[in-house]
Amino acid sequence: MDFIANTDSPGCGTTPRRGLAHAFILALTWALVGGAAAAKDKPPVQYQIPLPATPDFSGLDWLLGEWAGETVGSSPPGDVRLSVAPDLEKRYLIFRGQMSLAATPTVPGMKESWLGILSANPGGPGFTLWVFSSTGFITRYRVMVDGPQVRLNPEGGDRPPPEWLFRRVLERTGPGEFMETVQAAPPAKPFFDYYTAKLTRVPAPQKTAPAH
C-alpha cells in the first residue's frame, strides 16, 4: 500500500519551512543587535572647520564711534556724518555714512547715504572695504593704514560709477577729530579735490538714573 504525504496538512510539509524562516529572523535580529552594540563602542566623530584668524583692527580703533562735521575751505557747503562699529564677533567693521552737499555754479548738489563692510585681506596687508551706496553703486576699496592716516583707493566693484574714480583720505588730527578728503577723477581726467570735511566725535548719550 502506498502512502502519499498531505502537504496541505498543518503538521506535514510546512514545519521545515517555518523553522528555516524563524532561524533566519533570529540570525538577522542578532546581526542588527550586534551592529548596534559595535556602533555604541566606537567613539563619535567630531568634524571641525578651521576658522580664519581674527583680523587685527587695532590701527583703526581711534575711528570707532559716531562722528559728525561740516565741509571746510573751498569745498561746497555741506554736512558729513560717519559711524564705525565692529560686528559679527569683531571680524568686520561696519561703516555707515551720510553726506549732503549744496549745489555750486560748477557742481550740482549731492545727497548720499552709504554702507561699508570692511574685512581683512586674506593674502596681503591692509583691508578691503565694500561700499553700497544709496545711488545704486557698489564699489570696492583697498584700505591702507599708515599711522594716523587711512587711505581708501578704488579697486573697481560690482557696479562702480562708470569711468569715474573716487578715493578718500581720513587723517586723525586730534583725540576727537579727523579730516576727510574725497577726491574724484572724471573719465580720462586727473583727480581733483571733491570736498574736505572736519569731523568731531559725537559724545555718547549719558545714561539716566532710573526714577525711584
N, C-alpha and C. Protein backbone atom coordinates (compact mmCIF):
# COMPACT_ATOMS: atom_id res chain seq x y z
N MET A 1 0.86 -1.20 0.00
CA MET A 1 0.00 0.00 0.00
C MET A 1 0.88 1.22 0.00
N ASP A 2 0.53 2.17 -0.85
CA ASP A 2 1.33 3.40 -0.95
C ASP A 2 0.73 4.49 -0.11
N PHE A 3 1.58 5.22 0.53
CA PHE A 3 1.13 6.37 1.34
C PHE A 3 1.66 7.65 0.70
N ILE A 4 0.79 8.67 0.56
CA ILE A 4 1.16 9.98 -0.01
C ILE A 4 1.01 11.03 1.07
N ALA A 5 2.08 11.80 1.29
CA ALA A 5 2.03 12.84 2.34
C ALA A 5 1.14 13.98 1.89
N ASN A 6 0.31 14.42 2.81
CA ASN A 6 -0.59 15.57 2.55
C ASN A 6 0.17 16.86 2.92
N THR A 7 0.63 17.57 1.89
CA THR A 7 1.41 18.78 2.16
C THR A 7 0.56 19.94 2.61
N ASP A 8 -0.76 19.79 2.47
CA ASP A 8 -1.63 20.88 2.94
C ASP A 8 -1.94 20.76 4.41
N SER A 9 -1.55 19.64 5.00
CA SER A 9 -1.83 19.45 6.42
C SER A 9 -0.90 20.30 7.26
N PRO A 10 -1.42 20.94 8.37
CA PRO A 10 -0.57 21.78 9.22
C PRO A 10 0.61 21.04 9.78
N GLY A 11 0.48 19.74 9.93
CA GLY A 11 1.57 19.02 10.54
C GLY A 11 2.56 18.47 9.58
N CYS A 12 2.30 18.61 8.30
CA CYS A 12 3.20 17.99 7.33
C CYS A 12 3.65 19.02 6.30
N GLY A 13 4.89 19.05 5.97
CA GLY A 13 5.42 19.84 4.85
C GLY A 13 5.74 21.27 5.23
N THR A 14 4.88 21.95 5.99
CA THR A 14 5.10 23.37 6.29
C THR A 14 6.02 23.57 7.47
N THR A 15 6.20 22.60 8.30
CA THR A 15 7.01 22.77 9.51
C THR A 15 8.46 23.08 9.19
N PRO A 16 9.13 22.39 8.26
CA PRO A 16 10.53 22.72 7.97
C PRO A 16 10.69 24.14 7.43
N ARG A 17 9.75 24.57 6.58
CA ARG A 17 9.86 25.92 6.03
C ARG A 17 9.75 26.96 7.13
N ARG A 18 8.78 26.76 8.02
CA ARG A 18 8.64 27.72 9.12
C ARG A 18 9.87 27.73 10.01
N GLY A 19 10.46 26.60 10.19
CA GLY A 19 11.67 26.54 11.01
C GLY A 19 12.82 27.32 10.40
N LEU A 20 12.99 27.20 9.06
CA LEU A 20 14.05 27.95 8.40
C LEU A 20 13.81 29.46 8.47
N ALA A 21 12.55 29.87 8.25
CA ALA A 21 12.24 31.31 8.32
C ALA A 21 12.49 31.84 9.71
N HIS A 22 12.10 31.07 10.73
CA HIS A 22 12.31 31.51 12.10
C HIS A 22 13.80 31.64 12.41
N ALA A 23 14.58 30.71 11.93
CA ALA A 23 16.02 30.77 12.15
C ALA A 23 16.64 31.98 11.45
N PHE A 24 16.16 32.30 10.24
CA PHE A 24 16.68 33.45 9.51
C PHE A 24 16.35 34.75 10.24
N ILE A 25 15.15 34.86 10.76
CA ILE A 25 14.76 36.07 11.51
C ILE A 25 15.62 36.23 12.74
N LEU A 26 15.88 35.13 13.46
CA LEU A 26 16.74 35.21 14.64
C LEU A 26 18.15 35.65 14.26
N ALA A 27 18.67 35.09 13.16
CA ALA A 27 20.03 35.46 12.74
C ALA A 27 20.10 36.94 12.37
N LEU A 28 19.07 37.43 11.65
CA LEU A 28 19.05 38.83 11.27
C LEU A 28 18.93 39.72 12.50
N THR A 29 18.12 39.34 13.44
CA THR A 29 17.95 40.12 14.67
C THR A 29 19.27 40.21 15.42
N TRP A 30 19.95 39.10 15.58
CA TRP A 30 21.23 39.12 16.29
C TRP A 30 22.28 39.94 15.54
N ALA A 31 22.22 39.91 14.20
CA ALA A 31 23.17 40.72 13.43
C ALA A 31 22.93 42.20 13.67
N LEU A 32 21.66 42.60 13.72
CA LEU A 32 21.34 44.01 13.96
C LEU A 32 21.73 44.42 15.37
N VAL A 33 21.45 43.57 16.33
CA VAL A 33 21.82 43.87 17.71
C VAL A 33 23.33 43.97 17.86
N GLY A 34 24.04 43.06 17.22
CA GLY A 34 25.50 43.11 17.30
C GLY A 34 26.07 44.36 16.65
N GLY A 35 25.47 44.80 15.49
CA GLY A 35 25.94 46.03 14.83
C GLY A 35 25.69 47.25 15.68
N ALA A 36 24.54 47.29 16.35
CA ALA A 36 24.24 48.44 17.21
C ALA A 36 25.19 48.49 18.39
N ALA A 37 25.51 47.33 18.94
CA ALA A 37 26.45 47.30 20.07
C ALA A 37 27.83 47.75 19.64
N ALA A 38 28.24 47.33 18.44
CA ALA A 38 29.56 47.76 17.95
C ALA A 38 29.60 49.26 17.71
N ALA A 39 28.46 49.83 17.20
CA ALA A 39 28.42 51.28 16.97
C ALA A 39 28.51 52.04 18.28
N LYS A 40 27.91 51.49 19.35
CA LYS A 40 27.99 52.15 20.66
C LYS A 40 29.42 52.14 21.19
N ASP A 41 30.17 51.14 20.85
CA ASP A 41 31.54 51.05 21.35
C ASP A 41 32.47 52.03 20.64
N LYS A 42 32.16 52.46 19.41
CA LYS A 42 33.03 53.38 18.67
C LYS A 42 32.78 54.81 19.13
N PRO A 43 33.82 55.59 19.37
CA PRO A 43 33.63 56.99 19.81
C PRO A 43 33.05 57.82 18.67
N PRO A 44 32.23 58.83 19.00
CA PRO A 44 31.65 59.67 17.95
C PRO A 44 32.74 60.51 17.26
N VAL A 45 32.52 60.75 16.00
CA VAL A 45 33.47 61.54 15.21
C VAL A 45 32.99 62.99 15.17
N GLN A 46 33.85 63.92 15.55
CA GLN A 46 33.52 65.34 15.52
C GLN A 46 34.26 65.99 14.35
N TYR A 47 33.50 66.74 13.55
CA TYR A 47 34.07 67.44 12.41
C TYR A 47 34.15 68.93 12.74
N GLN A 48 35.29 69.53 12.50
CA GLN A 48 35.50 70.94 12.78
C GLN A 48 36.06 71.64 11.54
N ILE A 49 35.53 72.84 11.29
CA ILE A 49 36.02 73.67 10.19
C ILE A 49 37.01 74.68 10.76
N PRO A 50 38.25 74.68 10.34
CA PRO A 50 39.22 75.65 10.87
C PRO A 50 38.81 77.07 10.50
N LEU A 51 38.77 77.95 11.48
CA LEU A 51 38.35 79.33 11.28
C LEU A 51 39.55 80.21 10.93
N PRO A 52 39.34 81.23 10.09
CA PRO A 52 40.44 82.16 9.81
C PRO A 52 40.80 82.96 11.05
N ALA A 53 42.00 83.49 11.06
CA ALA A 53 42.46 84.27 12.20
C ALA A 53 41.61 85.52 12.37
N THR A 54 41.44 85.95 13.61
CA THR A 54 40.69 87.17 13.88
C THR A 54 41.46 88.38 13.34
N PRO A 55 40.80 89.26 12.57
CA PRO A 55 41.52 90.41 12.00
C PRO A 55 42.04 91.35 13.09
N ASP A 56 43.13 92.00 12.78
CA ASP A 56 43.71 92.99 13.69
C ASP A 56 43.29 94.38 13.23
N PHE A 57 42.28 94.93 13.88
CA PHE A 57 41.78 96.26 13.56
C PHE A 57 42.32 97.32 14.51
N SER A 58 43.39 97.01 15.24
CA SER A 58 43.87 97.94 16.26
C SER A 58 44.27 99.29 15.66
N GLY A 59 44.75 99.29 14.41
CA GLY A 59 45.13 100.55 13.79
C GLY A 59 43.96 101.46 13.48
N LEU A 60 42.74 100.92 13.59
CA LEU A 60 41.54 101.69 13.32
C LEU A 60 40.70 101.93 14.57
N ASP A 61 41.25 101.58 15.74
CA ASP A 61 40.48 101.74 16.98
C ASP A 61 40.03 103.18 17.18
N TRP A 62 40.88 104.14 16.81
CA TRP A 62 40.53 105.54 17.03
C TRP A 62 39.33 105.98 16.21
N LEU A 63 39.00 105.22 15.14
CA LEU A 63 37.91 105.59 14.25
C LEU A 63 36.55 105.06 14.72
N LEU A 64 36.55 104.16 15.69
CA LEU A 64 35.29 103.59 16.16
C LEU A 64 34.44 104.66 16.84
N GLY A 65 33.13 104.61 16.58
CA GLY A 65 32.23 105.54 17.22
C GLY A 65 31.43 106.36 16.21
N GLU A 66 30.80 107.42 16.73
CA GLU A 66 29.96 108.30 15.92
C GLU A 66 30.70 109.62 15.66
N TRP A 67 30.60 110.10 14.41
CA TRP A 67 31.27 111.33 14.01
C TRP A 67 30.31 112.21 13.21
N ALA A 68 30.51 113.53 13.34
CA ALA A 68 29.70 114.48 12.59
C ALA A 68 30.54 115.71 12.29
N GLY A 69 30.31 116.35 11.15
CA GLY A 69 31.09 117.54 10.81
C GLY A 69 30.55 118.25 9.61
N GLU A 70 31.31 119.27 9.16
CA GLU A 70 30.94 120.08 8.02
C GLU A 70 32.13 120.22 7.09
N THR A 71 31.83 120.54 5.85
CA THR A 71 32.89 120.77 4.88
C THR A 71 33.62 122.08 5.22
N VAL A 72 34.87 122.14 4.81
CA VAL A 72 35.70 123.31 5.13
C VAL A 72 36.40 123.79 3.86
N GLY A 73 37.05 124.98 3.98
CA GLY A 73 37.83 125.52 2.87
C GLY A 73 36.98 125.87 1.67
N SER A 74 37.49 125.53 0.50
CA SER A 74 36.80 125.85 -0.75
C SER A 74 35.79 124.79 -1.16
N SER A 75 35.51 123.83 -0.29
CA SER A 75 34.56 122.76 -0.61
C SER A 75 33.14 123.33 -0.66
N PRO A 76 32.24 122.68 -1.40
CA PRO A 76 30.84 123.09 -1.37
C PRO A 76 30.30 122.97 0.06
N PRO A 77 29.44 123.89 0.51
CA PRO A 77 28.88 123.77 1.85
C PRO A 77 28.13 122.43 2.01
N GLY A 78 28.36 121.78 3.13
CA GLY A 78 27.69 120.51 3.33
C GLY A 78 27.94 119.91 4.70
N ASP A 79 27.19 118.85 5.00
CA ASP A 79 27.29 118.12 6.26
C ASP A 79 27.73 116.69 5.98
N VAL A 80 28.51 116.14 6.90
CA VAL A 80 29.02 114.77 6.77
C VAL A 80 28.87 114.06 8.10
N ARG A 81 28.41 112.83 8.06
CA ARG A 81 28.30 112.01 9.27
C ARG A 81 28.89 110.63 8.97
N LEU A 82 29.44 110.02 10.03
CA LEU A 82 30.05 108.70 9.88
C LEU A 82 29.96 107.94 11.20
N SER A 83 29.65 106.66 11.11
CA SER A 83 29.71 105.78 12.28
C SER A 83 30.48 104.52 11.89
N VAL A 84 31.30 104.03 12.82
CA VAL A 84 32.11 102.83 12.58
C VAL A 84 31.97 101.94 13.81
N ALA A 85 31.63 100.67 13.60
CA ALA A 85 31.43 99.75 14.72
C ALA A 85 31.79 98.33 14.30
N PRO A 86 32.36 97.53 15.21
CA PRO A 86 32.64 96.12 14.90
C PRO A 86 31.35 95.31 14.90
N ASP A 87 31.37 94.19 14.18
CA ASP A 87 30.20 93.31 14.12
C ASP A 87 30.64 91.89 13.82
N LEU A 88 29.71 90.92 14.04
CA LEU A 88 29.95 89.51 13.76
C LEU A 88 31.23 89.02 14.41
N GLU A 89 31.20 89.01 15.75
CA GLU A 89 32.33 88.55 16.55
C GLU A 89 33.60 89.36 16.25
N LYS A 90 33.43 90.64 15.94
CA LYS A 90 34.54 91.57 15.68
C LYS A 90 35.40 91.15 14.49
N ARG A 91 34.81 90.42 13.56
CA ARG A 91 35.55 90.02 12.36
C ARG A 91 35.38 91.04 11.24
N TYR A 92 34.48 91.99 11.39
CA TYR A 92 34.24 93.01 10.38
C TYR A 92 34.01 94.35 11.07
N LEU A 93 34.26 95.43 10.32
CA LEU A 93 33.89 96.76 10.76
C LEU A 93 32.80 97.27 9.82
N ILE A 94 31.73 97.80 10.40
CA ILE A 94 30.60 98.30 9.63
C ILE A 94 30.67 99.83 9.60
N PHE A 95 30.73 100.39 8.41
CA PHE A 95 30.74 101.83 8.21
C PHE A 95 29.35 102.26 7.73
N ARG A 96 28.86 103.34 8.31
CA ARG A 96 27.61 103.96 7.84
C ARG A 96 27.85 105.46 7.70
N GLY A 97 27.68 105.97 6.49
CA GLY A 97 27.97 107.36 6.23
C GLY A 97 26.82 108.10 5.57
N GLN A 98 26.80 109.40 5.79
CA GLN A 98 25.85 110.29 5.13
C GLN A 98 26.59 111.54 4.69
N MET A 99 26.21 112.05 3.54
CA MET A 99 26.86 113.24 3.00
C MET A 99 25.82 114.06 2.26
N SER A 100 25.82 115.36 2.51
CA SER A 100 24.90 116.27 1.84
C SER A 100 25.67 117.52 1.45
N LEU A 101 25.76 117.80 0.15
CA LEU A 101 26.50 118.95 -0.36
C LEU A 101 25.55 119.87 -1.11
N ALA A 102 25.72 121.16 -0.90
CA ALA A 102 24.92 122.15 -1.63
C ALA A 102 25.44 122.30 -3.05
N ALA A 103 24.57 122.76 -3.93
CA ALA A 103 24.96 122.98 -5.32
C ALA A 103 25.83 124.22 -5.44
N THR A 104 26.75 124.18 -6.40
CA THR A 104 27.61 125.33 -6.72
C THR A 104 27.47 125.62 -8.22
N PRO A 105 28.04 126.74 -8.71
CA PRO A 105 27.93 127.02 -10.14
C PRO A 105 28.52 125.93 -11.03
N THR A 106 29.47 125.14 -10.50
CA THR A 106 30.12 124.12 -11.33
C THR A 106 29.78 122.68 -10.93
N VAL A 107 29.24 122.47 -9.71
CA VAL A 107 28.96 121.13 -9.22
C VAL A 107 27.51 121.08 -8.72
N PRO A 108 26.71 120.11 -9.20
CA PRO A 108 25.34 120.00 -8.69
C PRO A 108 25.32 119.54 -7.24
N GLY A 109 24.19 119.79 -6.58
CA GLY A 109 24.04 119.32 -5.20
C GLY A 109 24.05 117.80 -5.14
N MET A 110 24.43 117.26 -4.00
CA MET A 110 24.58 115.82 -3.85
C MET A 110 24.14 115.40 -2.45
N LYS A 111 23.37 114.32 -2.38
CA LYS A 111 22.97 113.74 -1.10
C LYS A 111 23.10 112.23 -1.21
N GLU A 112 23.84 111.64 -0.29
CA GLU A 112 24.13 110.21 -0.38
C GLU A 112 24.21 109.58 1.00
N SER A 113 23.69 108.37 1.10
CA SER A 113 23.89 107.52 2.28
C SER A 113 24.61 106.27 1.80
N TRP A 114 25.48 105.73 2.63
CA TRP A 114 26.22 104.55 2.20
C TRP A 114 26.52 103.63 3.38
N LEU A 115 26.70 102.37 3.03
CA LEU A 115 27.02 101.32 3.99
C LEU A 115 28.29 100.62 3.52
N GLY A 116 29.25 100.48 4.42
CA GLY A 116 30.50 99.81 4.07
C GLY A 116 30.80 98.65 4.99
N ILE A 117 31.37 97.58 4.44
CA ILE A 117 31.77 96.39 5.21
C ILE A 117 33.27 96.19 4.98
N LEU A 118 34.03 96.35 6.05
CA LEU A 118 35.48 96.24 5.96
C LEU A 118 35.95 94.91 6.52
N SER A 119 36.80 94.23 5.76
CA SER A 119 37.35 92.94 6.19
C SER A 119 38.84 92.91 5.90
N ALA A 120 39.54 91.97 6.54
CA ALA A 120 40.98 91.83 6.33
C ALA A 120 41.25 91.19 4.98
N ASN A 121 42.32 91.60 4.33
CA ASN A 121 42.75 90.96 3.09
C ASN A 121 43.36 89.61 3.42
N PRO A 122 42.87 88.51 2.84
CA PRO A 122 43.40 87.19 3.20
C PRO A 122 44.84 86.97 2.78
N GLY A 123 45.29 87.61 1.70
CA GLY A 123 46.63 87.31 1.20
C GLY A 123 47.58 88.47 1.19
N GLY A 124 47.32 89.52 1.96
CA GLY A 124 48.22 90.66 1.91
C GLY A 124 47.90 91.67 2.99
N PRO A 125 48.65 92.76 3.02
CA PRO A 125 48.42 93.78 4.06
C PRO A 125 47.17 94.59 3.76
N GLY A 126 46.73 95.34 4.77
CA GLY A 126 45.59 96.22 4.57
C GLY A 126 44.26 95.51 4.66
N PHE A 127 43.23 96.21 4.22
CA PHE A 127 41.86 95.72 4.34
C PHE A 127 41.12 96.00 3.03
N THR A 128 39.95 95.38 2.90
CA THR A 128 39.07 95.63 1.78
C THR A 128 37.76 96.19 2.30
N LEU A 129 37.29 97.26 1.68
CA LEU A 129 36.03 97.89 2.07
C LEU A 129 35.07 97.85 0.89
N TRP A 130 33.96 97.13 1.08
CA TRP A 130 32.89 97.12 0.09
C TRP A 130 31.89 98.20 0.48
N VAL A 131 31.56 99.08 -0.46
CA VAL A 131 30.67 100.21 -0.19
C VAL A 131 29.41 100.07 -1.05
N PHE A 132 28.26 100.11 -0.38
CA PHE A 132 26.96 100.05 -1.04
C PHE A 132 26.29 101.42 -0.84
N SER A 133 26.01 102.10 -1.95
CA SER A 133 25.55 103.49 -1.89
C SER A 133 24.05 103.58 -2.21
N SER A 134 23.41 104.62 -1.64
CA SER A 134 22.01 104.89 -1.96
C SER A 134 21.84 105.29 -3.42
N THR A 135 22.92 105.63 -4.10
CA THR A 135 22.87 105.92 -5.53
C THR A 135 22.75 104.66 -6.38
N GLY A 136 22.98 103.50 -5.77
CA GLY A 136 22.93 102.23 -6.51
C GLY A 136 24.28 101.68 -6.87
N PHE A 137 25.35 102.44 -6.64
CA PHE A 137 26.69 101.96 -6.98
C PHE A 137 27.22 101.02 -5.89
N ILE A 138 28.02 100.04 -6.32
CA ILE A 138 28.69 99.11 -5.42
C ILE A 138 30.17 99.14 -5.78
N THR A 139 30.99 99.66 -4.88
CA THR A 139 32.41 99.82 -5.17
C THR A 139 33.26 99.12 -4.13
N ARG A 140 34.49 98.83 -4.51
CA ARG A 140 35.44 98.16 -3.63
C ARG A 140 36.67 99.05 -3.47
N TYR A 141 37.16 99.15 -2.23
CA TYR A 141 38.32 99.97 -1.93
C TYR A 141 39.38 99.12 -1.23
N ARG A 142 40.64 99.38 -1.56
CA ARG A 142 41.75 98.85 -0.79
C ARG A 142 42.08 99.87 0.29
N VAL A 143 42.07 99.44 1.53
CA VAL A 143 42.26 100.34 2.67
C VAL A 143 43.63 100.07 3.28
N MET A 144 44.44 101.12 3.36
CA MET A 144 45.76 101.03 3.95
C MET A 144 45.85 102.00 5.12
N VAL A 145 46.40 101.52 6.24
CA VAL A 145 46.54 102.33 7.45
C VAL A 145 48.02 102.67 7.61
N ASP A 146 48.29 103.96 7.72
CA ASP A 146 49.66 104.44 7.90
C ASP A 146 49.66 105.45 9.04
N GLY A 147 49.81 104.94 10.27
CA GLY A 147 49.77 105.80 11.44
C GLY A 147 48.40 106.46 11.58
N PRO A 148 48.37 107.80 11.64
CA PRO A 148 47.09 108.49 11.81
C PRO A 148 46.32 108.64 10.50
N GLN A 149 46.85 108.12 9.40
CA GLN A 149 46.22 108.30 8.09
C GLN A 149 45.66 106.97 7.57
N VAL A 150 44.43 107.06 7.06
CA VAL A 150 43.77 105.90 6.46
C VAL A 150 43.43 106.26 5.01
N ARG A 151 43.96 105.49 4.06
CA ARG A 151 43.75 105.77 2.64
C ARG A 151 42.83 104.71 2.03
N LEU A 152 41.83 105.17 1.30
CA LEU A 152 40.89 104.30 0.60
C LEU A 152 41.07 104.51 -0.90
N ASN A 153 41.64 103.51 -1.56
CA ASN A 153 41.90 103.59 -3.00
C ASN A 153 40.93 102.68 -3.76
N PRO A 154 40.35 103.17 -4.85
CA PRO A 154 39.35 102.38 -5.58
C PRO A 154 39.96 101.18 -6.28
N GLU A 155 39.20 100.07 -6.25
CA GLU A 155 39.63 98.84 -6.95
C GLU A 155 38.46 98.21 -7.70
N GLY A 156 37.65 99.05 -8.33
CA GLY A 156 36.52 98.51 -9.10
C GLY A 156 35.33 98.21 -8.21
N GLY A 157 34.69 97.09 -8.46
CA GLY A 157 33.50 96.70 -7.71
C GLY A 157 32.47 96.08 -8.64
N ASP A 158 31.34 95.67 -8.06
CA ASP A 158 30.29 95.04 -8.86
C ASP A 158 29.56 96.06 -9.73
N ARG A 159 29.43 97.31 -9.24
CA ARG A 159 28.72 98.33 -10.01
C ARG A 159 29.30 99.70 -9.68
N PRO A 160 30.55 99.97 -10.08
CA PRO A 160 31.16 101.27 -9.77
C PRO A 160 30.62 102.36 -10.68
N PRO A 161 30.81 103.64 -10.30
CA PRO A 161 30.41 104.73 -11.21
C PRO A 161 31.12 104.60 -12.55
N PRO A 162 30.41 104.63 -13.66
CA PRO A 162 31.04 104.38 -14.97
C PRO A 162 32.19 105.34 -15.25
N GLU A 163 33.39 104.79 -15.32
CA GLU A 163 34.61 105.50 -15.69
C GLU A 163 35.03 106.58 -14.69
N TRP A 164 34.31 106.73 -13.60
CA TRP A 164 34.70 107.68 -12.56
C TRP A 164 35.44 106.94 -11.45
N LEU A 165 36.36 107.65 -10.81
CA LEU A 165 37.09 107.09 -9.68
C LEU A 165 36.97 108.04 -8.49
N PHE A 166 36.81 107.46 -7.31
CA PHE A 166 36.76 108.25 -6.07
C PHE A 166 37.72 107.62 -5.07
N ARG A 167 38.44 108.45 -4.37
CA ARG A 167 39.31 107.96 -3.30
C ARG A 167 39.18 108.89 -2.09
N ARG A 168 39.48 108.34 -0.91
CA ARG A 168 39.32 109.08 0.33
C ARG A 168 40.59 108.99 1.16
N VAL A 169 40.81 110.03 1.93
CA VAL A 169 41.88 110.03 2.91
C VAL A 169 41.30 110.52 4.22
N LEU A 170 41.41 109.69 5.27
CA LEU A 170 40.99 110.07 6.62
C LEU A 170 42.26 110.28 7.44
N GLU A 171 42.40 111.45 8.02
CA GLU A 171 43.62 111.74 8.78
C GLU A 171 43.24 112.26 10.16
N ARG A 172 43.71 111.53 11.17
CA ARG A 172 43.43 111.91 12.55
C ARG A 172 44.25 113.15 12.90
N THR A 173 43.55 114.19 13.37
CA THR A 173 44.22 115.44 13.72
C THR A 173 44.16 115.76 15.21
N GLY A 174 43.51 114.91 15.99
CA GLY A 174 43.41 115.13 17.42
C GLY A 174 42.70 113.96 18.08
N PRO A 175 42.61 113.96 19.42
CA PRO A 175 41.97 112.84 20.12
C PRO A 175 40.52 112.61 19.69
N GLY A 176 39.82 113.67 19.31
CA GLY A 176 38.41 113.51 18.96
C GLY A 176 38.05 114.16 17.65
N GLU A 177 38.99 114.20 16.69
CA GLU A 177 38.69 114.83 15.42
C GLU A 177 39.56 114.24 14.31
N PHE A 178 39.03 114.32 13.08
CA PHE A 178 39.82 113.93 11.92
C PHE A 178 39.31 114.69 10.70
N MET A 179 40.15 114.74 9.67
CA MET A 179 39.81 115.38 8.41
C MET A 179 39.56 114.30 7.36
N GLU A 180 38.53 114.49 6.58
CA GLU A 180 38.22 113.58 5.47
C GLU A 180 38.31 114.36 4.16
N THR A 181 39.13 113.89 3.25
CA THR A 181 39.25 114.49 1.92
C THR A 181 38.83 113.46 0.88
N VAL A 182 37.86 113.84 0.07
CA VAL A 182 37.38 112.97 -1.01
C VAL A 182 37.84 113.58 -2.34
N GLN A 183 38.50 112.76 -3.15
CA GLN A 183 38.97 113.19 -4.47
C GLN A 183 38.23 112.40 -5.55
N ALA A 184 37.97 113.07 -6.65
CA ALA A 184 37.25 112.44 -7.76
C ALA A 184 38.04 112.62 -9.05
N ALA A 185 37.92 111.63 -9.94
CA ALA A 185 38.56 111.69 -11.25
C ALA A 185 37.51 111.40 -12.32
N PRO A 186 37.15 112.41 -13.14
CA PRO A 186 36.22 112.15 -14.26
C PRO A 186 36.87 111.23 -15.29
N PRO A 187 36.11 110.75 -16.26
CA PRO A 187 36.68 109.85 -17.27
C PRO A 187 37.90 110.46 -17.96
N ALA A 188 39.01 109.74 -17.89
CA ALA A 188 40.27 110.13 -18.54
C ALA A 188 40.80 111.46 -18.05
N LYS A 189 40.47 111.84 -16.82
CA LYS A 189 40.95 113.09 -16.24
C LYS A 189 41.65 112.81 -14.91
N PRO A 190 42.54 113.72 -14.47
CA PRO A 190 43.22 113.50 -13.18
C PRO A 190 42.27 113.77 -12.01
N PHE A 191 42.72 113.36 -10.82
CA PHE A 191 41.93 113.57 -9.61
C PHE A 191 41.91 115.05 -9.24
N PHE A 192 40.80 115.47 -8.66
CA PHE A 192 40.68 116.80 -8.07
C PHE A 192 39.99 116.65 -6.71
N ASP A 193 40.19 117.61 -5.82
CA ASP A 193 39.56 117.57 -4.51
C ASP A 193 38.07 117.86 -4.64
N TYR A 194 37.27 116.86 -4.32
CA TYR A 194 35.81 117.00 -4.39
C TYR A 194 35.31 117.78 -3.19
N TYR A 195 35.69 117.34 -1.99
CA TYR A 195 35.39 118.10 -0.78
C TYR A 195 36.30 117.65 0.35
N THR A 196 36.45 118.52 1.33
CA THR A 196 37.16 118.22 2.57
C THR A 196 36.26 118.60 3.73
N ALA A 197 36.18 117.70 4.71
CA ALA A 197 35.32 117.94 5.86
C ALA A 197 36.09 117.68 7.15
N LYS A 198 35.73 118.42 8.17
CA LYS A 198 36.29 118.20 9.51
C LYS A 198 35.21 117.56 10.36
N LEU A 199 35.51 116.38 10.91
CA LEU A 199 34.55 115.65 11.72
C LEU A 199 35.05 115.56 13.15
N THR A 200 34.14 115.67 14.09
CA THR A 200 34.46 115.53 15.51
C THR A 200 33.58 114.42 16.09
N ARG A 201 34.10 113.81 17.15
CA ARG A 201 33.39 112.69 17.76
C ARG A 201 32.10 113.17 18.44
N VAL A 202 31.04 112.43 18.23
CA VAL A 202 29.76 112.73 18.88
C VAL A 202 29.76 112.05 20.24
N PRO A 203 29.59 112.81 21.33
CA PRO A 203 29.61 112.18 22.66
C PRO A 203 28.49 111.14 22.79
N ALA A 204 28.83 110.06 23.46
CA ALA A 204 27.82 109.02 23.70
C ALA A 204 26.75 109.58 24.63
N PRO A 205 25.48 109.23 24.41
CA PRO A 205 24.42 109.73 25.29
C PRO A 205 24.61 109.24 26.72
N GLN A 206 24.41 110.14 27.67
CA GLN A 206 24.57 109.78 29.08
C GLN A 206 23.38 108.97 29.54
N LYS A 207 23.69 107.95 30.33
CA LYS A 207 22.64 107.10 30.88
C LYS A 207 21.96 107.81 32.03
N THR A 208 20.66 107.86 31.97
CA THR A 208 19.90 108.50 33.05
C THR A 208 19.58 107.47 34.14
N ALA A 209 19.67 107.94 35.38
CA ALA A 209 19.38 107.06 36.50
C ALA A 209 17.89 106.74 36.54
N PRO A 210 17.52 105.49 36.85
CA PRO A 210 16.09 105.14 36.90
C PRO A 210 15.37 105.91 37.99
N ALA A 211 14.14 106.33 37.69
CA ALA A 211 13.34 107.08 38.66
C ALA A 211 12.91 106.17 39.79
N HIS A 212 12.95 106.74 40.99
CA HIS A 212 12.54 105.96 42.17
C HIS A 212 11.08 106.22 42.47
